[in-house]
Protein backbone atom coordinates (compact mmCIF):
# COMPACT_ATOMS: atom_id res chain seq x y z
CA SER A 1 -46.98 -12.25 10.46
CA ASN A 2 -50.35 -11.92 9.99
CA ILE A 3 -50.10 -11.20 6.39
CA LEU A 4 -48.47 -13.93 5.72
CA LYS A 5 -50.73 -16.32 7.38
CA ASN A 6 -53.85 -14.90 5.82
CA TYR A 7 -52.31 -15.39 2.85
CA GLU A 8 -51.75 -19.26 3.89
CA LEU A 9 -55.07 -19.99 4.91
CA LEU A 10 -56.36 -18.70 1.07
CA ASP A 11 -53.96 -21.01 -0.50
CA GLU A 12 -55.78 -23.49 1.98
CA TYR A 13 -58.80 -23.12 0.48
CA ARG A 14 -57.14 -22.82 -3.52
CA TYR A 15 -57.92 -18.77 -3.29
CA GLU A 16 -57.54 -17.52 -6.69
CA TYR A 17 -55.81 -14.43 -6.52
CA ALA A 18 -56.05 -11.44 -9.06
CA LYS A 19 -52.44 -10.29 -10.70
CA ASP A 20 -51.99 -7.06 -8.01
CA ASP A 21 -52.72 -9.46 -4.79
CA THR A 22 -50.13 -11.53 -5.89
CA LYS A 23 -47.52 -8.58 -6.47
CA ARG A 24 -48.84 -7.72 -2.99
CA ARG A 25 -47.97 -11.57 -1.67
CA TRP A 26 -44.81 -11.09 -3.44
CA ASN A 27 -43.43 -7.69 -2.34
CA THR A 28 -44.41 -8.86 1.74
CA TYR A 29 -42.10 -11.67 1.12
CA SER A 30 -39.71 -9.51 -0.32
CA GLN A 31 -39.88 -7.05 1.73
CA LEU A 32 -39.29 -9.26 4.62
CA LEU A 33 -36.44 -10.58 3.23
CA ARG A 34 -34.99 -7.19 2.67
CA ILE A 35 -35.99 -5.94 6.30
CA SER A 36 -33.75 -9.54 7.77
CA GLN A 37 -30.77 -8.41 5.42
CA SER A 38 -30.78 -4.95 6.50
CA VAL A 39 -30.96 -6.29 10.16
CA ASP A 40 -28.07 -8.76 9.24
CA TYR A 41 -25.86 -6.06 8.00
CA ALA A 42 -25.98 -3.28 10.66
CA HIS A 43 -25.55 -6.39 12.89
CA LEU A 44 -22.10 -6.66 11.34
CA ALA A 45 -20.96 -3.56 10.81
CA MET A 46 -22.16 -3.09 14.83
CA ARG A 47 -19.42 -6.55 15.22
CA SER A 48 -16.99 -4.54 13.06
CA ASP A 49 -17.36 -0.87 14.58
CA LYS A 50 -16.81 -2.52 17.74
CA ASP A 51 -13.99 -4.71 17.18
CA LYS A 52 -12.29 -1.61 15.80
CA PHE A 53 -12.75 0.55 18.91
CA GLU A 54 -11.91 -2.43 21.21
CA ALA A 55 -8.35 -2.42 19.10
CA GLU A 56 -8.50 1.61 19.52
CA LEU A 57 -8.27 1.52 23.29
CA VAL A 58 -5.51 -1.34 23.55
CA GLU A 59 -3.66 0.88 21.35
CA ALA A 60 -4.37 3.65 23.70
CA GLN A 61 -3.77 2.23 26.77
CA ASP A 62 -0.37 0.80 25.75
CA GLU A 63 0.02 4.70 24.84
CA PHE A 64 -0.37 5.38 28.12
CA ALA A 65 0.64 2.51 29.97
CA GLY A 66 4.49 4.21 28.34
CA GLU A 67 3.10 7.29 29.34
CA LEU A 68 2.48 7.06 32.84
CA ALA A 69 5.87 4.25 33.10
CA SER A 70 7.97 7.54 31.87
CA LEU A 71 5.94 10.26 34.06
CA MET A 72 7.63 7.46 37.10
CA THR A 73 11.19 7.37 36.37
CA VAL A 74 10.64 11.45 36.39
CA VAL A 75 9.46 11.70 39.36
CA ASN A 76 11.21 9.13 40.66
CA ASN A 77 14.24 11.03 39.91
CA PHE A 78 12.88 14.06 41.69
CA SER A 79 15.43 12.93 44.57
CA LYS A 80 18.59 13.67 42.71
CA TYR A 81 17.76 17.25 42.49
CA SER A 82 20.07 18.84 45.31
CA ASP A 83 21.43 21.67 43.95
CA LEU A 84 19.22 25.07 45.30
CA SER A 85 20.76 27.05 42.72
CA LYS A 86 18.31 25.15 39.84
CA THR A 87 16.04 25.73 41.79
CA LYS A 88 13.77 27.99 38.97
CA GLU A 89 14.76 25.30 36.72
CA ILE A 90 13.87 22.64 38.41
CA ALA A 91 10.54 23.77 39.36
CA GLU A 92 9.86 25.04 35.83
CA ASN A 93 10.17 21.20 35.27
CA VAL A 94 7.88 20.37 37.84
CA ALA A 95 5.24 22.59 36.11
CA GLY A 96 5.50 20.90 33.40
CA ILE A 97 5.47 17.39 34.70
CA ASN A 98 2.52 18.49 37.08
CA GLU A 99 0.61 19.12 33.20
CA LYS A 100 1.32 15.23 32.41
CA LEU A 101 0.34 14.24 35.33
CA LYS A 102 -3.18 16.27 35.10
CA ASN A 103 -3.19 14.77 31.51
CA CYS A 104 -3.01 11.33 32.57
CA VAL A 105 -5.62 11.86 35.33
CA ALA A 106 -8.15 12.73 32.05
CA ASN A 107 -6.77 10.08 30.20
CA ALA A 108 -7.39 7.81 32.72
CA GLN A 109 -10.63 8.81 33.59
CA LEU A 110 -11.69 9.32 29.51
CA MET A 111 -10.49 5.75 29.15
CA ASN A 112 -12.57 4.41 32.10
CA SER A 113 -15.60 5.43 30.74
CA ARG A 114 -15.08 3.46 27.39
CA GLU A 115 -14.20 1.03 29.11
C-alpha cells in the first residue's frame, strides 16, 4: 500500500519517528494482517458452507430419486385397475398421486435452480 511505501522511503533516509508515528505504523501493519486473516476466515467459512450445501443437495437428490421411483411404480401399476366398481377409490388414488406428481415437478425445479 502507499502508506507502507511511504514508511519504507522514510526508513531509507533513516527518519526518526515520533512515538505516535511508530504506533501508527505498527497499527497499519496489524490492520493489514487482521484484514488478511478476516479474508482467510471468510474463505474457509464459505468453503465449509459450500461443502455442507453440496452434501445436502446430494442427499435431497437421492431422496427425490427414491420418491420418483416410487411414483413410477405406482403409475405403472395403473394398468392393473380393471374393476369398474372401484372407480371412486381409484379416482381418489389418482388424485393423490397427481398431487405427488405436482410436488415432484416443484422439487425438480427447485433442485435444478440450486445446481
